[in-house]
Amino acid sequence: MYIEVKDLVKTFGNFTASDRISFGISKGNLIGLLGPSGGGKTTILRMLAGLETPDSGDIFINGKRVNDVPPQQRGIGFVFQNYALFRHMTVYDNIAFGLTVQKKPKAHIRHRVSELIELTGLKGLENRYPNQLSGGQRQRVAFARALAPEPHLLLLDEPFAAIDAKVRKELRSWLRSTIERIGITTIFVTHDQEEAVEVADEIMIVGGGRLEQKGSPLEIYKNPQTPFVAGFIGESSQLDDPSRLKGFAGELPGAKAIIRPEFVEVGTPGELSTPLAAETGVVRGVYFRGSSWQVEINLGSQSVFAYRSLEKTPLKTGDEVLVLIHRLYLFNDRQSRIVENAMKTDPMPINI
């Protein structure tokens, strides 16, 4: 492994930001560090960069323990959430800053900065100042400045947080293709699931200072290993007593269930593939989601969500409907697993 982290612990007073975190990252991989605010993502990033010192544990980069290595000697490029560009410097001078500090020859600086300006699509903006740039352009300058000293590892802290939604989607594709072209090992922090799934080779989900799961986006989505991951990834609702549902009686006694909308069919008897396995529910709300309707359905005292095609007859609040739950994520204090509806005869595919 190119990056190895072993049993990292970091506390701030009574708050544990990292609770025995361990993971490995292969060279050249693009990793999304995903989790809720306050879960410990940025603390991990800052310890890797040397901006925070772990209370215990070890960090290895390319086989070398770097706990006591100063940040400027770790070979790491860091892009901060607010870009941290120098307002009094032009685009060219911002990108050249690290090389100037390293006292590189002027010819080398000119060549490297020109190369990065071309790579990041900033040609023609070399003499502008940060306040003359759009948010997307400033992000590219920060990215180029981090790459200028040719680091071995690139760390990005919420790189798209300050950019509007349309530009953010464009920059995701740009970042992915640029990093693939360079081949640099990269870790980026985000709380945006769509962003992590679209950009990352692997995702590490962090919550409450713990690493809950690491794997490809598809692996994590299809096979969550903890209740936290099952509830965090995708949209979901929780049922406290799933054993009363058709097709799930006797499964993991005393368990609770997490249900994603894509696990649920809602409609009339003629629309459902296996109506005998369905529950009867009442529509509580219908919400337009662009490519589909999201339907909230009451099942007794609890509710679940389902997606419904725009091509089907619209449902409205108060309609009585059939609800077919294809699968559940069941968990109790000791174990957890995904369970298929035993009354169904055909498996429902998972789409991601």
Protein backbone atom coordinates (compact mmCIF):
# COMPACT_ATOMS: atom_id res chain seq x y z
CA MET A 1 0.00 0.00 0.00
CA TYR A 2 1.25 3.48 -0.84
CA ILE A 3 -0.54 5.08 2.14
CA GLU A 4 -0.91 3.13 5.39
CA VAL A 5 -2.65 4.50 8.48
CA LYS A 6 -2.57 2.40 11.64
CA ASP A 7 -4.71 2.98 14.74
CA LEU A 8 -4.81 6.78 14.53
CA VAL A 9 -6.29 8.47 17.57
CA LYS A 10 -6.92 12.21 17.86
CA THR A 11 -8.89 13.97 20.57
CA PHE A 12 -9.78 17.60 21.18
CA GLY A 13 -10.63 17.88 24.87
CA ASN A 14 -13.44 15.40 25.49
CA PHE A 15 -14.20 15.04 21.78
CA THR A 16 -12.70 12.06 19.91
CA ALA A 17 -12.19 13.08 16.29
CA SER A 18 -10.36 9.87 15.27
CA ASP A 19 -10.96 6.62 17.13
CA ARG A 20 -8.30 4.04 16.13
CA ILE A 21 -8.60 4.75 12.39
CA SER A 22 -6.76 2.28 10.11
CA PHE A 23 -6.73 1.98 6.30
CA GLY A 24 -4.50 1.50 3.27
CA ILE A 25 -4.55 3.21 -0.14
CA SER A 26 -2.93 1.94 -3.34
CA LYS A 27 -0.75 4.24 -5.42
CA GLY A 28 -2.65 6.30 -7.98
CA ASN A 29 -6.11 5.75 -6.46
CA LEU A 30 -8.67 8.52 -6.04
CA ILE A 31 -10.35 8.14 -2.63
CA GLY A 32 -13.49 9.89 -1.43
CA LEU A 33 -13.56 10.47 2.33
CA LEU A 34 -17.29 10.68 2.95
CA GLY A 35 -19.33 11.33 6.06
CA PRO A 36 -21.51 13.80 7.97
CA SER A 37 -20.24 17.10 9.33
CA GLY A 38 -18.20 16.60 12.50
CA GLY A 39 -17.55 12.94 11.69
CA GLY A 40 -13.75 13.29 11.59
CA LYS A 41 -13.03 13.54 7.85
CA THR A 42 -11.00 16.76 7.85
CA THR A 43 -9.06 15.69 10.95
CA ILE A 44 -7.82 12.60 9.08
CA LEU A 45 -6.82 14.77 6.14
CA ARG A 46 -4.97 17.24 8.35
CA MET A 47 -3.08 14.47 10.15
CA LEU A 48 -1.97 13.05 6.81
CA ALA A 49 -0.76 16.51 5.81
CA GLY A 50 1.05 17.06 9.11
CA LEU A 51 -1.19 19.97 10.10
CA GLU A 52 -2.45 18.00 13.12
CA THR A 53 -0.43 15.59 15.28
CA PRO A 54 -2.11 12.28 16.21
CA ASP A 55 -2.25 11.37 19.89
CA SER A 56 -1.25 7.84 18.92
CA GLY A 57 -0.96 5.65 15.85
CA ASP A 58 1.23 5.75 12.75
CA ILE A 59 1.14 7.22 9.24
CA PHE A 60 3.25 5.70 6.47
CA ILE A 61 3.69 7.20 3.01
CA ASN A 62 5.49 5.00 0.48
CA GLY A 63 6.80 2.83 3.32
CA LYS A 64 8.19 5.73 5.39
CA ARG A 65 6.75 6.68 8.78
CA VAL A 66 6.00 10.40 8.58
CA ASN A 67 4.55 11.19 12.03
CA ASP A 68 7.53 13.40 12.88
CA VAL A 69 8.14 14.72 9.35
CA PRO A 70 7.23 18.44 8.93
CA PRO A 71 4.36 19.19 6.50
CA GLN A 72 6.63 20.83 3.92
CA GLN A 73 8.78 17.70 3.73
CA ARG A 74 5.99 15.14 3.27
CA GLY A 75 5.56 15.65 -0.48
CA ILE A 76 1.88 16.53 -0.11
CA GLY A 77 -0.26 19.02 -1.99
CA PHE A 78 -3.25 20.42 -0.07
CA VAL A 79 -6.26 22.26 -1.50
CA PHE A 80 -8.25 23.99 1.24
CA GLN A 81 -12.02 24.44 1.20
CA ASN A 82 -11.72 28.22 0.79
CA TYR A 83 -8.82 27.85 -1.72
CA ALA A 84 -6.55 30.12 0.42
CA LEU A 85 -5.28 31.97 -2.65
CA PHE A 86 -3.09 35.03 -2.16
CA ARG A 87 -5.29 37.98 -3.09
CA HIS A 88 -2.39 40.27 -3.95
CA MET A 89 -0.85 37.71 -6.36
CA THR A 90 -1.79 36.97 -9.95
CA VAL A 91 -2.83 33.51 -11.14
CA TYR A 92 0.72 32.94 -12.36
CA ASP A 93 2.32 33.99 -9.07
CA ASN A 94 -0.15 31.94 -6.99
CA ILE A 95 0.72 28.80 -8.94
CA ALA A 96 4.43 29.58 -8.79
CA PHE A 97 4.43 30.28 -5.05
CA GLY A 98 5.54 26.84 -3.82
CA LEU A 99 8.27 26.61 -6.42
CA THR A 100 9.52 30.07 -5.49
CA VAL A 101 9.71 29.07 -1.81
CA GLN A 102 11.71 26.00 -2.87
CA LYS A 103 14.07 28.37 -4.75
CA LYS A 104 13.66 26.51 -8.03
CA PRO A 105 15.38 28.04 -11.10
CA LYS A 106 13.27 30.65 -12.90
CA ALA A 107 13.30 28.64 -16.12
CA HIS A 108 11.93 25.60 -14.28
CA ILE A 109 9.22 27.73 -12.62
CA ARG A 110 8.14 29.22 -15.97
CA HIS A 111 7.96 25.80 -17.59
CA ARG A 112 6.07 24.18 -14.71
CA VAL A 113 3.56 27.02 -14.31
CA SER A 114 2.90 27.12 -18.07
CA GLU A 115 2.38 23.36 -18.05
CA LEU A 116 -0.15 23.59 -15.20
CA ILE A 117 -1.98 26.57 -16.70
CA GLU A 118 -2.48 24.49 -19.84
CA LEU A 119 -3.52 21.41 -17.84
CA THR A 120 -6.09 23.28 -15.74
CA GLY A 121 -7.60 25.32 -18.55
CA LEU A 122 -6.42 28.69 -17.23
CA LYS A 123 -4.66 29.93 -20.36
CA GLY A 124 -5.24 33.65 -20.84
CA LEU A 125 -5.91 34.25 -17.14
CA GLU A 126 -2.27 34.31 -15.97
CA ASN A 127 -2.28 38.00 -15.07
CA ARG A 128 -5.64 38.13 -13.33
CA TYR A 129 -6.08 38.33 -9.56
CA PRO A 130 -8.34 35.98 -7.55
CA ASN A 131 -11.11 38.57 -7.22
CA GLN A 132 -11.28 38.71 -11.03
CA LEU A 133 -12.00 34.96 -11.32
CA SER A 134 -15.11 32.83 -11.02
CA GLY A 135 -15.39 30.24 -8.24
CA GLY A 136 -14.56 27.43 -10.66
CA GLN A 137 -11.48 29.28 -11.93
CA ARG A 138 -10.25 29.92 -8.38
CA GLN A 139 -10.64 26.23 -7.61
CA ARG A 140 -8.49 25.38 -10.63
CA VAL A 141 -5.82 27.84 -9.52
CA ALA A 142 -5.74 26.26 -6.06
CA PHE A 143 -5.48 22.82 -7.69
CA ALA A 144 -2.62 23.95 -9.95
CA ARG A 145 -0.77 25.59 -7.05
CA ALA A 146 -0.99 22.35 -5.03
CA LEU A 147 0.37 20.36 -7.99
CA ALA A 148 3.20 22.74 -8.84
CA PRO A 149 5.85 21.23 -6.49
CA GLU A 150 5.01 17.77 -7.94
CA PRO A 151 3.69 16.20 -4.72
CA HIS A 152 3.32 12.44 -4.26
CA LEU A 153 -0.07 12.79 -2.56
CA LEU A 154 -2.86 15.30 -3.17
CA LEU A 155 -5.37 16.16 -0.42
CA LEU A 156 -8.56 18.09 -1.18
CA ASP A 157 -10.81 19.38 1.62
CA GLU A 158 -14.38 19.85 0.31
CA PRO A 159 -12.98 21.09 -3.02
CA PHE A 160 -16.37 21.97 -4.55
CA ALA A 161 -18.19 23.29 -1.48
CA ALA A 162 -18.03 26.97 -2.45
CA ILE A 163 -19.11 26.47 -6.08
CA ASP A 164 -22.64 26.56 -7.49
CA ALA A 165 -24.31 23.27 -8.48
CA LYS A 166 -23.91 23.53 -12.28
CA VAL A 167 -20.19 24.37 -12.15
CA ARG A 168 -19.67 21.76 -9.44
CA LYS A 169 -20.89 18.97 -11.75
CA GLU A 170 -18.58 20.18 -14.53
CA LEU A 171 -15.59 20.32 -12.17
CA ARG A 172 -16.20 16.77 -10.92
CA SER A 173 -15.64 15.38 -14.41
CA TRP A 174 -12.67 17.68 -14.92
CA LEU A 175 -11.08 16.65 -11.62
CA ARG A 176 -11.55 12.95 -12.32
CA SER A 177 -10.04 13.10 -15.82
CA THR A 178 -7.19 15.39 -14.71
CA ILE A 179 -6.14 13.15 -11.83
CA GLU A 180 -6.33 10.08 -14.07
CA ARG A 181 -4.03 11.85 -16.53
CA ILE A 182 -1.53 12.83 -13.83
CA GLY A 183 -1.74 9.52 -11.94
CA ILE A 184 -1.35 11.11 -8.51
CA THR A 185 -2.73 9.43 -5.38
CA THR A 186 -5.57 11.66 -4.17
CA ILE A 187 -7.90 11.85 -1.18
CA PHE A 188 -10.79 14.29 -1.17
CA VAL A 189 -13.17 15.07 1.68
CA THR A 190 -16.85 15.50 0.92
CA HIS A 191 -20.25 15.15 2.56
CA ASP A 192 -21.92 14.89 -0.88
CA GLN A 193 -22.73 11.25 -1.69
CA GLU A 194 -23.34 11.92 -5.39
CA GLU A 195 -19.96 13.63 -5.63
CA ALA A 196 -18.14 10.71 -3.97
CA VAL A 197 -19.87 8.08 -6.11
CA GLU A 198 -19.21 9.97 -9.34
CA VAL A 199 -15.55 10.83 -8.73
CA ALA A 200 -13.92 8.24 -6.45
CA ASP A 201 -12.35 4.84 -7.15
CA GLU A 202 -13.03 3.94 -3.53
CA ILE A 203 -15.01 5.53 -0.74
CA MET A 204 -14.16 5.59 2.94
CA ILE A 205 -17.17 6.36 5.13
CA VAL A 206 -16.36 8.05 8.43
CA GLY A 207 -18.78 8.79 11.25
CA GLY A 208 -18.30 9.56 14.92
CA GLY A 209 -14.53 9.41 14.52
CA ARG A 210 -14.63 5.82 13.22
CA LEU A 211 -14.00 4.34 9.79
CA GLU A 212 -17.27 2.53 9.15
CA GLN A 213 -16.49 1.00 5.74
CA LYS A 214 -14.09 1.22 2.80
CA GLY A 215 -14.75 -0.05 -0.70
CA SER A 216 -15.91 0.79 -4.20
CA PRO A 217 -19.08 2.91 -4.48
CA LEU A 218 -21.02 -0.10 -5.77
CA GLU A 219 -19.76 -2.42 -3.01
CA ILE A 220 -20.71 0.03 -0.29
CA TYR A 221 -24.10 0.72 -1.81
CA LYS A 222 -25.03 -2.94 -2.32
CA ASN A 223 -23.43 -4.36 0.83
CA PRO A 224 -23.36 -1.86 3.72
CA GLN A 225 -21.49 -3.44 6.62
CA THR A 226 -22.90 -1.34 9.46
CA PRO A 227 -26.25 0.28 10.27
CA PHE A 228 -24.55 3.68 10.02
CA VAL A 229 -23.50 3.04 6.41
CA ALA A 230 -26.90 1.59 5.47
CA GLY A 231 -28.65 4.66 6.84
CA PHE A 232 -26.15 7.17 5.48
CA ILE A 233 -25.76 5.98 1.89
CA GLY A 234 -28.72 6.74 -0.33
CA GLU A 235 -32.14 7.83 0.89
CA SER A 236 -33.72 5.60 3.48
CA SER A 237 -36.41 5.15 6.11
CA GLN A 238 -36.31 3.00 9.24
CA LEU A 239 -38.88 0.51 10.51
CA ASP A 240 -38.78 -0.59 14.14
CA ASP A 241 -40.73 -3.84 13.62
CA PRO A 242 -40.07 -5.32 10.16
CA SER A 243 -41.07 -8.84 11.25
CA ARG A 244 -44.75 -7.97 10.71
CA LEU A 245 -44.16 -7.34 6.99
CA LYS A 246 -45.08 -10.03 4.46
CA GLY A 247 -42.08 -12.09 3.45
CA PHE A 248 -39.90 -11.04 6.39
CA ALA A 249 -41.42 -12.84 9.42
CA GLY A 250 -38.85 -14.60 11.58
CA GLU A 251 -35.85 -12.82 10.09
CA LEU A 252 -33.32 -11.67 12.71
CA PRO A 253 -35.63 -11.45 15.75
CA GLY A 254 -35.74 -8.07 17.45
CA ALA A 255 -34.13 -6.37 14.46
CA LYS A 256 -34.87 -2.97 12.99
CA ALA A 257 -34.88 -2.34 9.25
CA ILE A 258 -33.55 0.29 6.87
CA ILE A 259 -35.42 0.52 3.57
CA ARG A 260 -34.31 2.46 0.50
CA PRO A 261 -36.88 3.83 -1.99
CA GLU A 262 -35.46 1.71 -4.81
CA PHE A 263 -36.25 -1.42 -2.74
CA VAL A 264 -39.96 -0.55 -2.86
CA GLU A 265 -42.69 -0.76 -5.52
CA VAL A 266 -45.88 1.20 -5.08
CA GLY A 267 -49.00 1.06 -7.21
CA THR A 268 -52.25 -0.72 -7.98
CA PRO A 269 -52.65 -4.54 -7.96
CA GLY A 270 -52.28 -4.71 -11.75
CA GLU A 271 -48.99 -2.78 -11.67
CA LEU A 272 -47.12 -4.87 -9.10
CA SER A 273 -45.14 -7.94 -10.05
CA THR A 274 -46.13 -9.96 -6.93
CA PRO A 275 -49.25 -8.39 -5.40
CA LEU A 276 -49.79 -11.19 -2.84
CA ALA A 277 -46.48 -10.21 -1.19
CA ALA A 278 -47.50 -6.56 -0.91
CA GLU A 279 -48.72 -4.49 2.03
CA THR A 280 -51.63 -2.07 1.92
CA GLY A 281 -50.69 1.54 2.58
CA VAL A 282 -51.96 5.09 2.24
CA VAL A 283 -50.14 7.81 0.31
CA ARG A 284 -48.94 10.51 2.67
CA GLY A 285 -47.17 12.72 0.14
CA VAL A 286 -45.99 12.86 -3.48
CA TYR A 287 -42.85 14.82 -4.39
CA PHE A 288 -41.51 15.61 -7.86
CA ARG A 289 -37.86 14.56 -8.20
CA GLY A 290 -37.17 15.45 -11.84
CA SER A 291 -36.91 11.96 -13.37
CA SER A 292 -39.55 10.37 -11.11
CA TRP A 293 -42.05 10.90 -8.31
CA GLN A 294 -41.01 10.16 -4.75
CA VAL A 295 -43.99 8.76 -2.88
CA GLU A 296 -44.26 8.66 0.90
CA ILE A 297 -46.57 5.88 2.12
CA ASN A 298 -47.95 5.22 5.58
CA LEU A 299 -47.77 1.58 6.69
CA GLY A 300 -49.68 1.71 9.94
CA SER A 301 -47.76 3.99 12.30
CA GLN A 302 -44.60 4.07 10.15
CA SER A 303 -43.79 5.29 6.67
CA VAL A 304 -41.60 4.27 3.73
CA PHE A 305 -40.58 6.01 0.51
CA ALA A 306 -40.75 4.68 -3.05
CA TYR A 307 -39.95 6.01 -6.52
CA ARG A 308 -42.66 6.00 -9.18
CA SER A 309 -42.21 6.54 -12.91
CA LEU A 310 -43.58 9.71 -14.46
CA GLU A 311 -45.09 7.46 -17.17
CA LYS A 312 -47.48 5.86 -14.67
CA THR A 313 -50.77 7.31 -13.47
CA PRO A 314 -49.95 9.94 -10.82
CA LEU A 315 -50.78 9.14 -7.22
CA LYS A 316 -52.16 11.69 -4.78
CA THR A 317 -52.27 12.11 -1.02
CA GLY A 318 -54.86 9.84 0.57
CA ASP A 319 -54.80 7.16 -2.16
CA GLU A 320 -54.83 3.57 -0.91
CA VAL A 321 -52.04 1.65 -2.63
CA LEU A 322 -50.17 -1.65 -2.58
CA VAL A 323 -46.58 -1.53 -1.37
CA LEU A 324 -44.17 -4.33 -2.30
CA ILE A 325 -40.93 -4.26 -0.29
CA HIS A 326 -38.35 -6.28 -2.22
CA ARG A 327 -35.59 -6.25 0.36
CA LEU A 328 -34.58 -4.87 3.75
CA TYR A 329 -31.36 -4.07 5.50
CA LEU A 330 -31.88 -5.71 8.91
CA PHE A 331 -29.77 -5.04 11.99
CA ASN A 332 -29.72 -5.58 15.73
CA ASP A 333 -27.06 -5.17 18.42
CA ARG A 334 -25.13 -8.25 17.25
CA GLN A 335 -25.41 -8.56 13.49
CA SER A 336 -26.79 -7.11 10.27
CA ARG A 337 -27.61 -8.33 6.78
CA ILE A 338 -29.62 -7.67 3.63
CA VAL A 339 -32.70 -9.89 3.35
CA GLU A 340 -34.88 -10.54 0.28
CA ASN A 341 -38.66 -10.82 0.51
CA ALA A 342 -39.31 -14.57 0.90
CA MET A 343 -42.71 -14.35 -0.85
CA LYS A 344 -41.21 -13.02 -4.08
CA THR A 345 -40.27 -15.33 -6.92
CA ASP A 346 -38.09 -12.95 -8.94
CA PRO A 347 -35.12 -10.88 -7.67
CA MET A 348 -35.23 -7.12 -8.02
CA PRO A 349 -31.98 -5.66 -9.42
CA ILE A 350 -30.13 -2.90 -7.62
CA ASN A 351 -29.45 0.14 -9.79
CA ILE A 352 -26.75 2.67 -8.95
